[in-house]
């Protein structure tokens, strides 16, 4: 359940940040900020649903998923295909996120 939750949070965060990027850097209409703010609120809400005992641990594990999702965004929405170094870096990040999420903890 945690991986799909983090994937949804990543999509919401990236979409929200891209809306701000489009407004600021691509000179799109300020109306782009409305869905951007909604997406960022959805991101925060989704990340708060993470079933973990500490917020910092959720943020750390989420970071690895975010890196991979960002490269998917790069390819899907910006038309730039990730190279082998991007993919190796994303795999390393997801592995690290999995280690954080799945490590046995005696609490």
PDB file of N, CA and C in Angstrom:
ATOM      1  N   UNK A   1       0.813  -1.206   0.000  1.00  0.00           N
ATOM      2  CA  UNK A   1       0.000   0.000   0.000  1.00  0.00           C
ATOM      3  C   UNK A   1       0.855   1.268   0.000  1.00  0.00           C
ATOM      4  N   UNK A   2       2.036   1.212   0.615  1.00  0.00           N
ATOM      5  CA  UNK A   2       2.857   2.407   0.743  1.00  0.00           C
ATOM      6  C   UNK A   2       3.405   2.883  -0.597  1.00  0.00           C
ATOM      7  N   UNK A   3       3.844   1.964  -1.448  1.00  0.00           N
ATOM      8  CA  UNK A   3       4.408   2.374  -2.740  1.00  0.00           C
ATOM      9  C   UNK A   3       3.380   3.100  -3.617  1.00  0.00           C
ATOM     10  N   UNK A   4       2.148   2.574  -3.768  1.00  0.00           N
ATOM     11  CA  UNK A   4       1.158   3.324  -4.552  1.00  0.00           C
ATOM     12  C   UNK A   4       0.824   4.684  -3.930  1.00  0.00           C
ATOM     13  N   UNK A   5       0.809   4.748  -2.617  1.00  0.00           N
ATOM     14  CA  UNK A   5       0.551   6.018  -1.936  1.00  0.00           C
ATOM     15  C   UNK A   5       1.662   7.025  -2.245  1.00  0.00           C
ATOM     16  N   UNK A   6       2.900   6.569  -2.158  1.00  0.00           N
ATOM     17  CA  UNK A   6       4.022   7.448  -2.481  1.00  0.00           C
ATOM     18  C   UNK A   6       4.018   7.833  -3.957  1.00  0.00           C
ATOM     19  N   UNK A   7       3.636   6.913  -4.830  1.00  0.00           N
ATOM     20  CA  UNK A   7       3.567   7.232  -6.263  1.00  0.00           C
ATOM     21  C   UNK A   7       2.514   8.309  -6.523  1.00  0.00           C
ATOM     22  N   UNK A   8       1.367   8.190  -5.879  1.00  0.00           N
ATOM     23  CA  UNK A   8       0.311   9.197  -6.033  1.00  0.00           C
ATOM     24  C   UNK A   8       0.772  10.542  -5.476  1.00  0.00           C
ATOM     25  N   UNK A   9       1.443  10.513  -4.326  1.00  0.00           N
ATOM     26  CA  UNK A   9       1.961  11.750  -3.736  1.00  0.00           C
ATOM     27  C   UNK A   9       2.985  12.390  -4.672  1.00  0.00           C
ATOM     28  N   UNK A  10       3.839  11.575  -5.263  1.00  0.00           N
ATOM     29  CA  UNK A  10       4.861  12.096  -6.178  1.00  0.00           C
ATOM     30  C   UNK A  10       4.216  12.744  -7.397  1.00  0.00           C
ATOM     31  N   UNK A  11       3.210  12.093  -7.960  1.00  0.00           N
ATOM     32  CA  UNK A  11       2.521  12.672  -9.113  1.00  0.00           C
ATOM     33  C   UNK A  11       1.892  14.014  -8.745  1.00  0.00           C
ATOM     34  N   UNK A  12       1.259  14.081  -7.576  1.00  0.00           N
ATOM     35  CA  UNK A  12       0.639  15.332  -7.142  1.00  0.00           C
ATOM     36  C   UNK A  12       1.691  16.423  -6.921  1.00  0.00           C
ATOM     37  N   UNK A  13       2.804  16.060  -6.296  1.00  0.00           N
ATOM     38  CA  UNK A  13       3.841  17.058  -6.044  1.00  0.00           C
ATOM     39  C   UNK A  13       4.467  17.550  -7.349  1.00  0.00           C
ATOM     40  N   UNK A  14       4.791  16.629  -8.224  1.00  0.00           N
ATOM     41  CA  UNK A  14       5.428  17.013  -9.483  1.00  0.00           C
ATOM     42  C   UNK A  14       4.485  17.865 -10.328  1.00  0.00           C
ATOM     43  N   UNK A  15       3.212  17.473 -10.397  1.00  0.00           N
ATOM     44  CA  UNK A  15       2.237  18.261 -11.162  1.00  0.00           C
ATOM     45  C   UNK A  15       2.086  19.660 -10.571  1.00  0.00           C
ATOM     46  N   UNK A  16       2.037  19.738  -9.238  1.00  0.00           N
ATOM     47  CA  UNK A  16       1.915  21.041  -8.592  1.00  0.00           C
ATOM     48  C   UNK A  16       3.125  21.916  -8.834  1.00  0.00           C
ATOM     49  N   UNK A  17       4.287  21.342  -8.695  1.00  0.00           N
ATOM     50  CA  UNK A  17       5.520  22.103  -8.930  1.00  0.00           C
ATOM     51  C   UNK A  17       5.656  22.488 -10.402  1.00  0.00           C
ATOM     52  N   UNK A  18       5.242  21.593 -11.297  1.00  0.00           N
ATOM     53  CA  UNK A  18       5.317  21.915 -12.721  1.00  0.00           C
ATOM     54  C   UNK A  18       4.390  23.079 -13.067  1.00  0.00           C
ATOM     55  N   UNK A  19       3.229  23.145 -12.412  1.00  0.00           N
ATOM     56  CA  UNK A  19       2.317  24.267 -12.660  1.00  0.00           C
ATOM     57  C   UNK A  19       3.003  25.592 -12.314  1.00  0.00           C
ATOM     58  N   UNK A  20       3.733  25.618 -11.195  1.00  0.00           N
ATOM     59  CA  UNK A  20       4.471  26.828 -10.831  1.00  0.00           C
ATOM     60  C   UNK A  20       5.603  27.092 -11.824  1.00  0.00           C
ATOM     61  N   UNK A  21       6.286  26.025 -12.231  1.00  0.00           N
ATOM     62  CA  UNK A  21       7.354  26.138 -13.234  1.00  0.00           C
ATOM     63  C   UNK A  21       6.801  26.728 -14.531  1.00  0.00           C
ATOM     64  N   UNK A  22       5.650  26.212 -14.960  1.00  0.00           N
ATOM     65  CA  UNK A  22       5.048  26.687 -16.208  1.00  0.00           C
ATOM     66  C   UNK A  22       4.686  28.171 -16.113  1.00  0.00           C
ATOM     67  N   UNK A  23       4.122  28.566 -14.972  1.00  0.00           N
ATOM     68  CA  UNK A  23       3.758  29.972 -14.789  1.00  0.00           C
ATOM     69  C   UNK A  23       5.003  30.864 -14.767  1.00  0.00           C
ATOM     70  N   UNK A  24       5.997  30.461 -13.991  1.00  0.00           N
ATOM     71  CA  UNK A  24       7.169  31.306 -13.790  1.00  0.00           C
ATOM     72  C   UNK A  24       8.157  31.237 -14.947  1.00  0.00           C
ATOM     73  N   UNK A  25       8.534  30.018 -15.350  1.00  0.00           N
ATOM     74  CA  UNK A  25       9.611  29.849 -16.323  1.00  0.00           C
ATOM     75  C   UNK A  25       9.120  29.798 -17.765  1.00  0.00           C
ATOM     76  N   UNK A  26       7.894  29.306 -17.970  1.00  0.00           N
ATOM     77  CA  UNK A  26       7.369  29.197 -19.332  1.00  0.00           C
ATOM     78  C   UNK A  26       6.382  30.311 -19.655  1.00  0.00           C
ATOM     79  N   UNK A  27       6.203  31.219 -18.696  1.00  0.00           N
ATOM     80  CA  UNK A  27       5.338  32.388 -18.858  1.00  0.00           C
ATOM     81  C   UNK A  27       3.896  32.027 -19.208  1.00  0.00           C
ATOM     82  N   UNK A  28       3.398  30.969 -18.558  1.00  0.00           N
ATOM     83  CA  UNK A  28       1.993  30.593 -18.721  1.00  0.00           C
ATOM     84  C   UNK A  28       1.126  31.506 -17.864  1.00  0.00           C
ATOM     85  N   UNK A  29      -0.168  31.407 -18.048  1.00  0.00           N
ATOM     86  CA  UNK A  29      -1.138  32.209 -17.306  1.00  0.00           C
ATOM     87  C   UNK A  29      -1.030  31.954 -15.804  1.00  0.00           C
ATOM     88  N   UNK A  30      -1.273  32.985 -14.991  1.00  0.00           N
ATOM     89  CA  UNK A  30      -1.320  32.781 -13.535  1.00  0.00           C
ATOM     90  C   UNK A  30      -2.407  31.777 -13.119  1.00  0.00           C
ATOM     91  N   UNK A  31      -3.334  31.478 -13.996  1.00  0.00           N
ATOM     92  CA  UNK A  31      -4.359  30.484 -13.683  1.00  0.00           C
ATOM     93  C   UNK A  31      -3.758  29.093 -13.500  1.00  0.00           C
ATOM     94  N   UNK A  32      -2.563  28.877 -14.010  1.00  0.00           N
ATOM     95  CA  UNK A  32      -1.869  27.606 -13.791  1.00  0.00           C
ATOM     96  C   UNK A  32      -1.609  27.378 -12.302  1.00  0.00           C
ATOM     97  N   UNK A  33      -1.578  28.457 -11.535  1.00  0.00           N
ATOM     98  CA  UNK A  33      -1.302  28.335 -10.104  1.00  0.00           C
ATOM     99  C   UNK A  33      -2.446  27.664  -9.342  1.00  0.00           C
ATOM    100  N   UNK A  34      -3.660  27.780  -9.834  1.00  0.00           N
ATOM    101  CA  UNK A  34      -4.811  27.189  -9.133  1.00  0.00           C
ATOM    102  C   UNK A  34      -4.693  25.666  -9.068  1.00  0.00           C
ATOM    103  N   UNK A  35      -4.566  24.968 -10.194  1.00  0.00           N
ATOM    104  CA  UNK A  35      -4.390  23.513 -10.079  1.00  0.00           C
ATOM    105  C   UNK A  35      -3.064  23.150  -9.409  1.00  0.00           C
ATOM    106  N   UNK A  36      -2.069  24.035  -9.534  1.00  0.00           N
ATOM    107  CA  UNK A  36      -0.795  23.780  -8.874  1.00  0.00           C
ATOM    108  C   UNK A  36      -0.947  23.739  -7.364  1.00  0.00           C
ATOM    109  N   UNK A  37      -1.664  24.691  -6.816  1.00  0.00           N
ATOM    110  CA  UNK A  37      -1.887  24.728  -5.367  1.00  0.00           C
ATOM    111  C   UNK A  37      -2.724  23.533  -4.927  1.00  0.00           C
ATOM    112  N   UNK A  38      -3.750  23.205  -5.692  1.00  0.00           N
ATOM    113  CA  UNK A  38      -4.585  22.042  -5.361  1.00  0.00           C
ATOM    114  C   UNK A  38      -3.742  20.770  -5.362  1.00  0.00           C
ATOM    115  N   UNK A  39      -2.877  20.627  -6.351  1.00  0.00           N
ATOM    116  CA  UNK A  39      -2.005  19.446  -6.422  1.00  0.00           C
ATOM    117  C   UNK A  39      -1.054  19.373  -5.242  1.00  0.00           C
ATOM    118  N   UNK A  40      -0.511  20.505  -4.838  1.00  0.00           N
ATOM    119  CA  UNK A  40       0.422  20.497  -3.713  1.00  0.00           C
ATOM    120  C   UNK A  40      -0.283  20.184  -2.393  1.00  0.00           C
ATOM    121  N   UNK A  41      -1.526  20.631  -2.246  1.00  0.00           N
ATOM    122  CA  UNK A  41      -2.313  20.268  -1.061  1.00  0.00           C
ATOM    123  C   UNK A  41      -2.584  18.760  -1.076  1.00  0.00           C
ATOM    124  N   UNK A  42      -2.939  18.232  -2.242  1.00  0.00           N
ATOM    125  CA  UNK A  42      -3.170  16.779  -2.360  1.00  0.00           C
ATOM    126  C   UNK A  42      -1.902  16.006  -2.031  1.00  0.00           C
ATOM    127  N   UNK A  43      -0.762  16.496  -2.479  1.00  0.00           N
ATOM    128  CA  UNK A  43       0.520  15.862  -2.162  1.00  0.00           C
ATOM    129  C   UNK A  43       0.725  15.771  -0.655  1.00  0.00           C
ATOM    130  N   UNK A  44       0.545  16.889   0.042  1.00  0.00           N
ATOM    131  CA  UNK A  44       0.759  16.903   1.493  1.00  0.00           C
ATOM    132  C   UNK A  44      -0.198  15.947   2.194  1.00  0.00           C
ATOM    133  N   UNK A  45      -1.439  15.933   1.758  1.00  0.00           N
ATOM    134  CA  UNK A  45      -2.443  15.044   2.355  1.00  0.00           C
ATOM    135  C   UNK A  45      -2.064  13.585   2.122  1.00  0.00           C
ATOM    136  N   UNK A  46      -1.687  13.241   0.901  1.00  0.00           N
ATOM    137  CA  UNK A  46      -1.320  11.863   0.585  1.00  0.00           C
ATOM    138  C   UNK A  46      -0.092  11.415   1.379  1.00  0.00           C
ATOM    139  N   UNK A  47       0.895  12.269   1.474  1.00  0.00           N
ATOM    140  CA  UNK A  47       2.101  11.893   2.206  1.00  0.00           C
ATOM    141  C   UNK A  47       1.803  11.717   3.699  1.00  0.00           C
ATOM    142  N   UNK A  48       0.860  12.501   4.214  1.00  0.00           N
ATOM    143  CA  UNK A  48       0.492  12.369   5.627  1.00  0.00           C
ATOM    144  C   UNK A  48      -0.217  11.040   5.909  1.00  0.00           C
ATOM    145  N   UNK A  49      -0.720  10.385   4.881  1.00  0.00           N
ATOM    146  CA  UNK A  49      -1.388   9.086   5.046  1.00  0.00           C
ATOM    147  C   UNK A  49      -0.400   7.925   5.150  1.00  0.00           C
ATOM    148  N   UNK A  50       0.863   8.188   4.927  1.00  0.00           N
ATOM    149  CA  UNK A  50       1.876   7.121   4.926  1.00  0.00           C
ATOM    150  C   UNK A  50       1.866   6.373   6.262  1.00  0.00           C
ATOM    151  N   UNK A  51       1.783   5.048   6.193  1.00  0.00           N
ATOM    152  CA  UNK A  51       1.735   4.247   7.416  1.00  0.00           C
ATOM    153  C   UNK A  51       3.134   4.027   8.000  1.00  0.00           C
ATOM    154  N   UNK A  52       3.658   5.032   8.645  1.00  0.00           N
ATOM    155  CA  UNK A  52       4.971   4.932   9.261  1.00  0.00           C
ATOM    156  C   UNK A  52       4.931   5.581  10.636  1.00  0.00           C
ATOM    157  N   UNK A  53       5.880   5.242  11.463  1.00  0.00           N
ATOM    158  CA  UNK A  53       5.887   5.730  12.839  1.00  0.00           C
ATOM    159  C   UNK A  53       6.520   7.112  12.983  1.00  0.00           C
ATOM    160  N   UNK A  54       7.171   7.620  11.942  1.00  0.00           N
ATOM    161  CA  UNK A  54       7.836   8.914  12.038  1.00  0.00           C
ATOM    162  C   UNK A  54       7.749   9.650  10.705  1.00  0.00           C
ATOM    163  N   UNK A  55       7.415  10.914  10.768  1.00  0.00           N
ATOM    164  CA  UNK A  55       7.273  11.708   9.553  1.00  0.00           C
ATOM    165  C   UNK A  55       8.579  11.754   8.758  1.00  0.00           C
ATOM    166  N   UNK A  56       9.690  11.943   9.448  1.00  0.00           N
ATOM    167  CA  UNK A  56      10.977  12.016   8.761  1.00  0.00           C
ATOM    168  C   UNK A  56      11.299  10.762   7.980  1.00  0.00           C
ATOM    169  N   UNK A  57      10.928   9.607   8.528  1.00  0.00           N
ATOM    170  CA  UNK A  57      11.161   8.345   7.822  1.00  0.00           C
ATOM    171  C   UNK A  57      10.281   8.273   6.574  1.00  0.00           C
ATOM    172  N   UNK A  58       9.051   8.728   6.683  1.00  0.00           N
ATOM    173  CA  UNK A  58       8.162   8.753   5.514  1.00  0.00           C
ATOM    174  C   UNK A  58       8.737   9.661   4.440  1.00  0.00           C
ATOM    175  N   UNK A  59       9.227  10.831   4.832  1.00  0.00           N
ATOM    176  CA  UNK A  59       9.789  11.770   3.860  1.00  0.00           C
ATOM    177  C   UNK A  59      11.032  11.196   3.193  1.00  0.00           C
ATOM    178  N   UNK A  60      11.867  10.542   3.975  1.00  0.00           N
ATOM    179  CA  UNK A  60      13.093   9.959   3.438  1.00  0.00           C
ATOM    180  C   UNK A  60      12.777   8.862   2.426  1.00  0.00           C
ATOM    181  N   UNK A  61      11.869   7.959   2.782  1.00  0.00           N
ATOM    182  CA  UNK A  61      11.502   6.876   1.872  1.00  0.00           C
ATOM    183  C   UNK A  61      10.801   7.426   0.639  1.00  0.00           C
ATOM    184  N   UNK A  62       9.943   8.405   0.827  1.00  0.00           N
ATOM    185  CA  UNK A  62       9.233   9.022  -0.288  1.00  0.00           C
ATOM    186  C   UNK A  62      10.216   9.636  -1.289  1.00  0.00           C
ATOM    187  N   UNK A  63      11.304  10.179  -0.786  1.00  0.00           N
ATOM    188  CA  UNK A  63      12.283  10.821  -1.668  1.00  0.00           C
ATOM    189  C   UNK A  63      12.779   9.906  -2.769  1.00  0.00           C
ATOM    190  N   UNK A  64      13.003   8.648  -2.444  1.00  0.00           N
ATOM    191  CA  UNK A  64      13.459   7.699  -3.453  1.00  0.00           C
ATOM    192  C   UNK A  64      12.415   7.462  -4.533  1.00  0.00           C
ATOM    193  N   UNK A  65      11.171   7.368  -4.126  1.00  0.00           N
ATOM    194  CA  UNK A  65      10.075   7.170  -5.078  1.00  0.00           C
ATOM    195  C   UNK A  65       9.905   8.428  -5.927  1.00  0.00           C
ATOM    196  N   UNK A  66      10.072   9.586  -5.304  1.00  0.00           N
ATOM    197  CA  UNK A  66       9.953  10.861  -6.009  1.00  0.00           C
ATOM    198  C   UNK A  66      10.972  10.963  -7.148  1.00  0.00           C
ATOM    199  N   UNK A  67      12.195  10.535  -6.892  1.00  0.00           N
ATOM    200  CA  UNK A  67      13.234  10.594  -7.926  1.00  0.00           C
ATOM    201  C   UNK A  67      12.814   9.788  -9.153  1.00  0.00           C
ATOM    202  N   UNK A  68      12.340   8.566  -8.928  1.00  0.00           N
ATOM    203  CA  UNK A  68      11.906   7.723 -10.045  1.00  0.00           C
ATOM    204  C   UNK A  68      10.703   8.340 -10.764  1.00  0.00           C
ATOM    205  N   UNK A  69       9.755   8.854  -9.995  1.00  0.00           N
ATOM    206  CA  UNK A  69       8.564   9.467 -10.597  1.00  0.00           C
ATOM    207  C   UNK A  69       8.936  10.711 -11.405  1.00  0.00           C
ATOM    208  N   UNK A  70       9.924  11.453 -10.944  1.00  0.00           N
ATOM    209  CA  UNK A  70      10.369  12.644 -11.671  1.00  0.00           C
ATOM    210  C   UNK A  70      10.928  12.286 -13.050  1.00  0.00           C
ATOM    211  N   UNK A  71      11.636  11.172 -13.110  1.00  0.00           N
ATOM    212  CA  UNK A  71      12.166  10.741 -14.402  1.00  0.00           C
ATOM    213  C   UNK A  71      11.054  10.243 -15.322  1.00  0.00           C
ATOM    214  N   UNK A  72      10.032   9.623 -14.752  1.00  0.00           N
ATOM    215  CA  UNK A  72       8.870   9.246 -15.562  1.00  0.00           C
ATOM    216  C   UNK A  72       8.169  10.491 -16.100  1.00  0.00           C
ATOM    217  N   UNK A  73       8.072  11.519 -15.279  1.00  0.00           N
ATOM    218  CA  UNK A  73       7.482  12.800 -15.716  1.00  0.00           C
ATOM    219  C   UNK A  73       8.323  13.389 -16.852  1.00  0.00           C
ATOM    220  N   UNK A  74       9.632  13.379 -16.663  1.00  0.00           N
ATOM    221  CA  UNK A  74      10.554  13.898 -17.673  1.00  0.00           C
ATOM    222  C   UNK A  74      10.285  13.262 -19.031  1.00  0.00           C
ATOM    223  N   UNK A  75      10.106  11.944 -19.018  1.00  0.00           N
ATOM    224  CA  UNK A  75       9.894  11.205 -20.252  1.00  0.00           C
ATOM    225  C   UNK A  75       8.480  11.403 -20.786  1.00  0.00           C
ATOM    226  N   UNK A  76       7.491  11.263 -19.921  1.00  0.00           N
ATOM    227  CA  UNK A  76       6.089  11.294 -20.352  1.00  0.00           C
ATOM    228  C   UNK A  76       5.592  12.678 -20.744  1.00  0.00           C
ATOM    229  N   UNK A  77       5.975  13.701 -19.996  1.00  0.00           N
ATOM    230  CA  UNK A  77       5.395  15.031 -20.201  1.00  0.00           C
ATOM    231  C   UNK A  77       6.349  16.027 -20.838  1.00  0.00           C
ATOM    232  N   UNK A  78       7.649  15.780 -20.707  1.00  0.00           N
ATOM    233  CA  UNK A  78       8.601  16.711 -21.298  1.00  0.00           C
ATOM    234  C   UNK A  78       9.290  16.131 -22.533  1.00  0.00           C
ATOM    235  N   UNK A  79       9.038  14.863 -22.817  1.00  0.00           N
ATOM    236  CA  UNK A  79       9.561  14.242 -24.014  1.00  0.00           C
ATOM    237  C   UNK A  79      11.061  13.972 -24.002  1.00  0.00           C
ATOM    238  N   UNK A  80      11.670  13.966 -22.827  1.00  0.00           N
ATOM    239  CA  UNK A  80      13.109  13.695 -22.710  1.00  0.00           C
ATOM    240  C   UNK A  80      13.272  12.297 -22.127  1.00  0.00           C
ATOM    241  N   UNK A  81      13.895  11.443 -22.895  1.00  0.00           N
ATOM    242  CA  UNK A  81      14.069  10.059 -22.447  1.00  0.00           C
ATOM    243  C   UNK A  81      15.222   9.963 -21.444  1.00  0.00           C
ATOM    244  N   UNK A  82      14.964   9.368 -20.269  1.00  0.00           N
ATOM    245  CA  UNK A  82      16.049   9.203 -19.291  1.00  0.00           C
ATOM    246  C   UNK A  82      17.157   8.319 -19.866  1.00  0.00           C
ATOM    247  N   UNK A  83      18.398   8.658 -19.526  1.00  0.00           N
ATOM    248  CA  UNK A  83      19.507   7.832 -19.999  1.00  0.00           C
ATOM    249  C   UNK A  83      19.847   6.768 -18.946  1.00  0.00           C
ATOM    250  N   UNK A  84      20.861   5.986 -19.221  1.00  0.00           N
ATOM    251  CA  UNK A  84      21.188   4.871 -18.329  1.00  0.00           C
ATOM    252  C   UNK A  84      21.628   5.350 -16.951  1.00  0.00           C
ATOM    253  N   UNK A  85      22.220   6.517 -16.873  1.00  0.00           N
ATOM    254  CA  UNK A  85      22.635   7.046 -15.584  1.00  0.00           C
ATOM    255  C   UNK A  85      21.422   7.511 -14.766  1.00  0.00           C
ATOM    256  N   UNK A  86      20.446   8.101 -15.453  1.00  0.00           N
ATOM    257  CA  UNK A  86      19.194   8.451 -14.786  1.00  0.00           C
ATOM    258  C   UNK A  86      18.533   7.201 -14.215  1.00  0.00           C
ATOM    259  N   UNK A  87      18.467   6.156 -15.037  1.00  0.00           N
ATOM    260  CA  UNK A  87      17.806   4.921 -14.607  1.00  0.00           C
ATOM    261  C   UNK A  87      18.565   4.244 -13.470  1.00  0.00           C
ATOM    262  N   UNK A  88      19.890   4.235 -13.548  1.00  0.00           N
ATOM    263  CA  UNK A  88      20.681   3.643 -12.468  1.00  0.00           C
ATOM    264  C   UNK A  88      20.510   4.438 -11.171  1.00  0.00           C
ATOM    265  N   UNK A  89      20.481   5.741 -11.280  1.00  0.00           N
ATOM    266  CA  UNK A  89      20.274   6.583 -10.101  1.00  0.00           C
ATOM    267  C   UNK A  89      18.898   6.368  -9.493  1.00  0.00           C
ATOM    268  N   UNK A  90      17.876   6.274 -10.347  1.00  0.00           N
ATOM    269  CA  UNK A  90      16.517   6.042  -9.854  1.00  0.00           C
ATOM    270  C   UNK A  90      16.413   4.678  -9.187  1.00  0.00           C
ATOM    271  N   UNK A  91      17.031   3.675  -9.779  1.00  0.00           N
ATOM    272  CA  UNK A  91      16.992   2.332  -9.182  1.00  0.00           C
ATOM    273  C   UNK A  91      17.671   2.340  -7.812  1.00  0.00           C
ATOM    274  N   UNK A  92      18.773   3.052  -7.707  1.00  0.00           N
ATOM    275  CA  UNK A  92      19.467   3.160  -6.423  1.00  0.00           C
ATOM    276  C   UNK A  92      18.576   3.843  -5.388  1.00  0.00           C
ATOM    277  N   UNK A  93      17.897   4.893  -5.805  1.00  0.00           N
ATOM    278  CA  UNK A  93      17.008   5.615  -4.888  1.00  0.00           C
ATOM    279  C   UNK A  93      15.835   4.757  -4.437  1.00  0.00           C
ATOM    280  N   UNK A  94      15.229   4.013  -5.357  1.00  0.00           N
ATOM    281  CA  UNK A  94      14.107   3.141  -4.995  1.00  0.00           C
ATOM    282  C   UNK A  94      14.589   2.027  -4.071  1.00  0.00           C
ATOM    283  N   UNK A  95      15.782   1.514  -4.332  1.00  0.00           N
ATOM    284  CA  UNK A  95      16.343   0.501  -3.444  1.00  0.00           C
ATOM    285  C   UNK A  95      16.544   1.079  -2.039  1.00  0.00           C
ATOM    286  N   UNK A  96      17.066   2.277  -1.957  1.00  0.00           N
ATOM    287  CA  UNK A  96      17.242   2.928  -0.664  1.00  0.00           C
ATOM    288  C   UNK A  96      15.917   3.181   0.035  1.00  0.00           C
ATOM    289  N   UNK A  97      14.921   3.622  -0.724  1.00  0.00           N
ATOM    290  CA  UNK A  97      13.587   3.842  -0.150  1.00  0.00           C
ATOM    291  C   UNK A  97      13.018   2.537   0.372  1.00  0.00           C
ATOM    292  N   UNK A  98      13.225   1.453  -0.361  1.00  0.00           N
ATOM    293  CA  UNK A  98      12.727   0.148   0.066  1.00  0.00           C
ATOM    294  C   UNK A  98      13.421  -0.317   1.334  1.00  0.00           C
ATOM    295  N   UNK A  99      14.704  -0.040   1.428  1.00  0.00           N
ATOM    296  CA  UNK A  99      15.439  -0.408   2.642  1.00  0.00           C
ATOM    297  C   UNK A  99      14.862   0.333   3.852  1.00  0.00           C
ATOM    298  N   UNK A 100      14.582   1.613   3.680  1.00  0.00           N
ATOM    299  CA  UNK A 100      13.991   2.392   4.773  1.00  0.00           C
ATOM    300  C   UNK A 100      12.606   1.859   5.139  1.00  0.00           C
ATOM    301  N   UNK A 101      11.792   1.588   4.125  1.00  0.00           N
ATOM    302  CA  UNK A 101      10.411   1.153   4.366  1.00  0.00           C
ATOM    303  C   UNK A 101      10.297  -0.252   4.933  1.00  0.00           C
ATOM    304  N   UNK A 102      11.128  -1.165   4.435  1.00  0.00           N
ATOM    305  CA  UNK A 102      10.940  -2.575   4.749  1.00  0.00           C
ATOM    306  C   UNK A 102      11.865  -3.102   5.850  1.00  0.00           C
ATOM    307  N   UNK A 103      12.731  -2.262   6.368  1.00  0.00           N
ATOM    308  CA  UNK A 103      13.666  -2.716   7.404  1.00  0.00           C
ATOM    309  C   UNK A 103      12.898  -3.152   8.654  1.00  0.00           C
ATOM    310  N   UNK A 104      13.299  -4.286   9.231  1.00  0.00           N
ATOM    311  CA  UNK A 104      12.632  -4.698  10.468  1.00  0.00           C
ATOM    312  C   UNK A 104      13.025  -3.772  11.609  1.00  0.00           C
ATOM    313  N   UNK A 105      12.018  -3.317  12.309  1.00  0.00           N
ATOM    314  CA  UNK A 105      12.259  -2.417  13.442  1.00  0.00           C
ATOM    315  C   UNK A 105      11.504  -2.960  14.637  1.00  0.00           C
ATOM    316  N   UNK A 106      12.169  -3.019  15.729  1.00  0.00           N
ATOM    317  CA  UNK A 106      11.549  -3.518  16.950  1.00  0.00           C
ATOM    318  C   UNK A 106      10.954  -2.397  17.772  1.00  0.00           C
ATOM    319  N   UNK A 107       9.728  -1.984  17.407  1.00  0.00           N
ATOM    320  CA  UNK A 107       9.075  -0.901  18.167  1.00  0.00           C
ATOM    321  C   UNK A 107       7.860  -1.407  18.883  1.00  0.00           C
TER     322      UNK A 107
END
